Protein backbone atom coordinates (compact mmCIF):
# COMPACT_ATOMS: atom_id res chain seq x y z
CA UNK A 1 0.00 0.00 0.00
CA UNK A 2 1.35 3.39 -1.02
CA UNK A 3 0.02 6.74 0.19
CA UNK A 4 -0.35 9.54 -2.37
CA UNK A 5 1.14 7.70 -5.35
CA UNK A 6 2.29 9.76 -8.33
CA UNK A 7 1.32 7.01 -10.75
CA UNK A 8 -0.39 3.64 -10.96
CA UNK A 9 0.00 0.97 -13.61
CA UNK A 10 -2.25 -1.99 -14.34
CA UNK A 11 -1.16 -4.29 -17.14
CA UNK A 12 -2.38 -7.64 -18.35
CA UNK A 13 -5.91 -8.84 -17.85
CA UNK A 14 -8.07 -11.10 -15.76
CA UNK A 15 -8.95 -13.28 -18.73
CA UNK A 16 -5.28 -13.93 -19.47
CA UNK A 17 -4.42 -14.54 -15.80
CA UNK A 18 -1.55 -12.08 -16.13
CA UNK A 19 -2.81 -8.97 -14.36
CA UNK A 20 0.05 -7.05 -12.77
CA UNK A 21 -0.13 -3.70 -11.00
CA UNK A 22 2.28 -1.32 -9.36
CA UNK A 23 2.33 1.99 -7.52
CA UNK A 24 4.87 4.66 -8.44
CA UNK A 25 6.11 7.42 -6.16
CA UNK A 26 4.32 8.26 -2.96
CA UNK A 27 5.11 6.99 0.51
CA UNK A 28 5.05 3.24 1.24
CA UNK A 29 3.03 2.45 4.35
CA UNK A 30 3.89 0.03 7.12
CA UNK A 31 1.96 -2.63 5.19
CA UNK A 32 4.48 -2.83 2.34
CA UNK A 33 5.64 -6.44 1.86
CA UNK A 34 3.63 -7.55 4.90
CA UNK A 35 1.74 -10.85 4.72
CA UNK A 36 -1.97 -10.36 5.34
CA UNK A 37 -4.62 -12.73 6.59
CA UNK A 38 -8.29 -12.61 7.56
CA UNK A 39 -7.74 -10.38 10.60
CA UNK A 40 -7.84 -6.59 10.40
CA UNK A 41 -4.54 -4.82 9.90
CA UNK A 42 -4.35 -1.21 11.06
CA UNK A 43 -2.13 1.51 9.66
CA UNK A 44 -0.02 3.37 12.21
CA UNK A 45 -1.86 6.46 13.41
CA UNK A 46 0.90 8.80 12.23
CA UNK A 47 0.54 7.47 8.67
CA UNK A 48 -3.11 8.46 8.50
CA UNK A 49 -3.18 11.98 9.97
CA UNK A 50 -4.78 14.55 7.64
CA UNK A 51 -5.15 18.27 8.02
CA UNK A 52 -8.70 19.62 8.26
CA UNK A 53 -10.25 19.32 4.79
CA UNK A 54 -7.23 17.37 3.54
CA UNK A 55 -7.26 14.33 1.30
CA UNK A 56 -5.04 11.33 0.69
CA UNK A 57 -4.91 8.75 -2.08
CA UNK A 58 -3.85 5.14 -1.67
CA UNK A 59 -2.65 2.56 -4.17
CA UNK A 60 -3.05 -1.05 -3.05
CA UNK A 61 -1.44 -4.01 -4.81
CA UNK A 62 -1.96 -7.49 -3.38
CA UNK A 63 -0.10 -10.52 -4.64
CA UNK A 64 -0.16 -14.18 -3.77
CA UNK A 65 2.90 -16.02 -2.60
CA UNK A 66 4.48 -18.22 -5.29
CA UNK A 67 3.77 -21.07 -2.84
CA UNK A 68 0.00 -20.43 -2.84
CA UNK A 69 -1.92 -23.66 -3.49
CA UNK A 70 -4.06 -24.17 -6.61
CA UNK A 71 -7.14 -23.99 -4.36
CA UNK A 72 -6.62 -20.19 -4.27
CA UNK A 73 -7.63 -19.90 -7.94
CA UNK A 74 -10.88 -18.00 -8.55
CA UNK A 75 -10.99 -16.72 -4.96
CA UNK A 76 -11.81 -13.12 -4.14
CA UNK A 77 -11.48 -10.79 -1.20
CA UNK A 78 -12.76 -7.45 0.01
CA UNK A 79 -10.67 -4.46 0.97
CA UNK A 80 -12.32 -2.26 3.58
CA UNK A 81 -11.28 1.02 5.14
CA UNK A 82 -12.53 2.24 8.49
CA UNK A 83 -11.98 5.98 8.97
CA UNK A 84 -11.98 7.46 12.45
CA UNK A 85 -11.95 11.21 13.01
CA UNK A 86 -11.87 13.62 15.89
CA UNK A 87 -11.90 17.41 16.20
C-alpha atoms as a PDB file:
ATOM      1  CA  UNK A   1       0.000   0.000   0.000  1.00  0.00           C
ATOM      2  CA  UNK A   2       1.353   3.394  -1.019  1.00  0.00           C
ATOM      3  CA  UNK A   3       0.019   6.736   0.189  1.00  0.00           C
ATOM      4  CA  UNK A   4      -0.346   9.537  -2.369  1.00  0.00           C
ATOM      5  CA  UNK A   5       1.144   7.698  -5.352  1.00  0.00           C
ATOM      6  CA  UNK A   6       2.286   9.763  -8.325  1.00  0.00           C
ATOM      7  CA  UNK A   7       1.317   7.013 -10.753  1.00  0.00           C
ATOM      8  CA  UNK A   8      -0.394   3.644 -10.962  1.00  0.00           C
ATOM      9  CA  UNK A   9       0.005   0.967 -13.607  1.00  0.00           C
ATOM     10  CA  UNK A  10      -2.246  -1.986 -14.344  1.00  0.00           C
ATOM     11  CA  UNK A  11      -1.164  -4.290 -17.144  1.00  0.00           C
ATOM     12  CA  UNK A  12      -2.384  -7.642 -18.355  1.00  0.00           C
ATOM     13  CA  UNK A  13      -5.913  -8.836 -17.853  1.00  0.00           C
ATOM     14  CA  UNK A  14      -8.066 -11.101 -15.755  1.00  0.00           C
ATOM     15  CA  UNK A  15      -8.951 -13.284 -18.735  1.00  0.00           C
ATOM     16  CA  UNK A  16      -5.284 -13.931 -19.474  1.00  0.00           C
ATOM     17  CA  UNK A  17      -4.420 -14.540 -15.801  1.00  0.00           C
ATOM     18  CA  UNK A  18      -1.547 -12.083 -16.131  1.00  0.00           C
ATOM     19  CA  UNK A  19      -2.808  -8.972 -14.362  1.00  0.00           C
ATOM     20  CA  UNK A  20       0.049  -7.052 -12.767  1.00  0.00           C
ATOM     21  CA  UNK A  21      -0.133  -3.703 -10.999  1.00  0.00           C
ATOM     22  CA  UNK A  22       2.277  -1.320  -9.363  1.00  0.00           C
ATOM     23  CA  UNK A  23       2.328   1.987  -7.524  1.00  0.00           C
ATOM     24  CA  UNK A  24       4.872   4.658  -8.438  1.00  0.00           C
ATOM     25  CA  UNK A  25       6.110   7.417  -6.165  1.00  0.00           C
ATOM     26  CA  UNK A  26       4.321   8.263  -2.958  1.00  0.00           C
ATOM     27  CA  UNK A  27       5.110   6.990   0.514  1.00  0.00           C
ATOM     28  CA  UNK A  28       5.055   3.237   1.237  1.00  0.00           C
ATOM     29  CA  UNK A  29       3.026   2.447   4.349  1.00  0.00           C
ATOM     30  CA  UNK A  30       3.887   0.026   7.123  1.00  0.00           C
ATOM     31  CA  UNK A  31       1.956  -2.635   5.188  1.00  0.00           C
ATOM     32  CA  UNK A  32       4.482  -2.827   2.336  1.00  0.00           C
ATOM     33  CA  UNK A  33       5.640  -6.437   1.857  1.00  0.00           C
ATOM     34  CA  UNK A  34       3.625  -7.547   4.902  1.00  0.00           C
ATOM     35  CA  UNK A  35       1.744 -10.853   4.718  1.00  0.00           C
ATOM     36  CA  UNK A  36      -1.969 -10.356   5.338  1.00  0.00           C
ATOM     37  CA  UNK A  37      -4.623 -12.732   6.593  1.00  0.00           C
ATOM     38  CA  UNK A  38      -8.288 -12.612   7.564  1.00  0.00           C
ATOM     39  CA  UNK A  39      -7.736 -10.384  10.600  1.00  0.00           C
ATOM     40  CA  UNK A  40      -7.845  -6.588  10.403  1.00  0.00           C
ATOM     41  CA  UNK A  41      -4.536  -4.816   9.902  1.00  0.00           C
ATOM     42  CA  UNK A  42      -4.348  -1.207  11.062  1.00  0.00           C
ATOM     43  CA  UNK A  43      -2.126   1.508   9.662  1.00  0.00           C
ATOM     44  CA  UNK A  44      -0.024   3.367  12.207  1.00  0.00           C
ATOM     45  CA  UNK A  45      -1.857   6.464  13.410  1.00  0.00           C
ATOM     46  CA  UNK A  46       0.901   8.798  12.231  1.00  0.00           C
ATOM     47  CA  UNK A  47       0.536   7.467   8.670  1.00  0.00           C
ATOM     48  CA  UNK A  48      -3.109   8.464   8.497  1.00  0.00           C
ATOM     49  CA  UNK A  49      -3.182  11.979   9.975  1.00  0.00           C
ATOM     50  CA  UNK A  50      -4.778  14.551   7.644  1.00  0.00           C
ATOM     51  CA  UNK A  51      -5.154  18.271   8.020  1.00  0.00           C
ATOM     52  CA  UNK A  52      -8.698  19.615   8.262  1.00  0.00           C
ATOM     53  CA  UNK A  53     -10.251  19.321   4.794  1.00  0.00           C
ATOM     54  CA  UNK A  54      -7.228  17.372   3.538  1.00  0.00           C
ATOM     55  CA  UNK A  55      -7.264  14.328   1.298  1.00  0.00           C
ATOM     56  CA  UNK A  56      -5.036  11.329   0.693  1.00  0.00           C
ATOM     57  CA  UNK A  57      -4.911   8.755  -2.078  1.00  0.00           C
ATOM     58  CA  UNK A  58      -3.854   5.137  -1.666  1.00  0.00           C
ATOM     59  CA  UNK A  59      -2.652   2.561  -4.175  1.00  0.00           C
ATOM     60  CA  UNK A  60      -3.046  -1.050  -3.045  1.00  0.00           C
ATOM     61  CA  UNK A  61      -1.440  -4.010  -4.806  1.00  0.00           C
ATOM     62  CA  UNK A  62      -1.965  -7.492  -3.377  1.00  0.00           C
ATOM     63  CA  UNK A  63      -0.096 -10.524  -4.639  1.00  0.00           C
ATOM     64  CA  UNK A  64      -0.159 -14.179  -3.770  1.00  0.00           C
ATOM     65  CA  UNK A  65       2.903 -16.023  -2.597  1.00  0.00           C
ATOM     66  CA  UNK A  66       4.483 -18.222  -5.287  1.00  0.00           C
ATOM     67  CA  UNK A  67       3.771 -21.071  -2.837  1.00  0.00           C
ATOM     68  CA  UNK A  68       0.001 -20.434  -2.838  1.00  0.00           C
ATOM     69  CA  UNK A  69      -1.922 -23.660  -3.495  1.00  0.00           C
ATOM     70  CA  UNK A  70      -4.062 -24.167  -6.607  1.00  0.00           C
ATOM     71  CA  UNK A  71      -7.138 -23.991  -4.362  1.00  0.00           C
ATOM     72  CA  UNK A  72      -6.618 -20.189  -4.274  1.00  0.00           C
ATOM     73  CA  UNK A  73      -7.627 -19.897  -7.938  1.00  0.00           C
ATOM     74  CA  UNK A  74     -10.880 -18.002  -8.552  1.00  0.00           C
ATOM     75  CA  UNK A  75     -10.995 -16.720  -4.961  1.00  0.00           C
ATOM     76  CA  UNK A  76     -11.807 -13.117  -4.136  1.00  0.00           C
ATOM     77  CA  UNK A  77     -11.477 -10.788  -1.200  1.00  0.00           C
ATOM     78  CA  UNK A  78     -12.759  -7.447   0.006  1.00  0.00           C
ATOM     79  CA  UNK A  79     -10.674  -4.462   0.965  1.00  0.00           C
ATOM     80  CA  UNK A  80     -12.324  -2.260   3.584  1.00  0.00           C
ATOM     81  CA  UNK A  81     -11.280   1.020   5.144  1.00  0.00           C
ATOM     82  CA  UNK A  82     -12.529   2.238   8.487  1.00  0.00           C
ATOM     83  CA  UNK A  83     -11.976   5.981   8.969  1.00  0.00           C
ATOM     84  CA  UNK A  84     -11.982   7.462  12.445  1.00  0.00           C
ATOM     85  CA  UNK A  85     -11.949  11.206  13.006  1.00  0.00           C
ATOM     86  CA  UNK A  86     -11.867  13.622  15.890  1.00  0.00           C
ATOM     87  CA  UNK A  87     -11.899  17.411  16.203  1.00  0.00           C
END
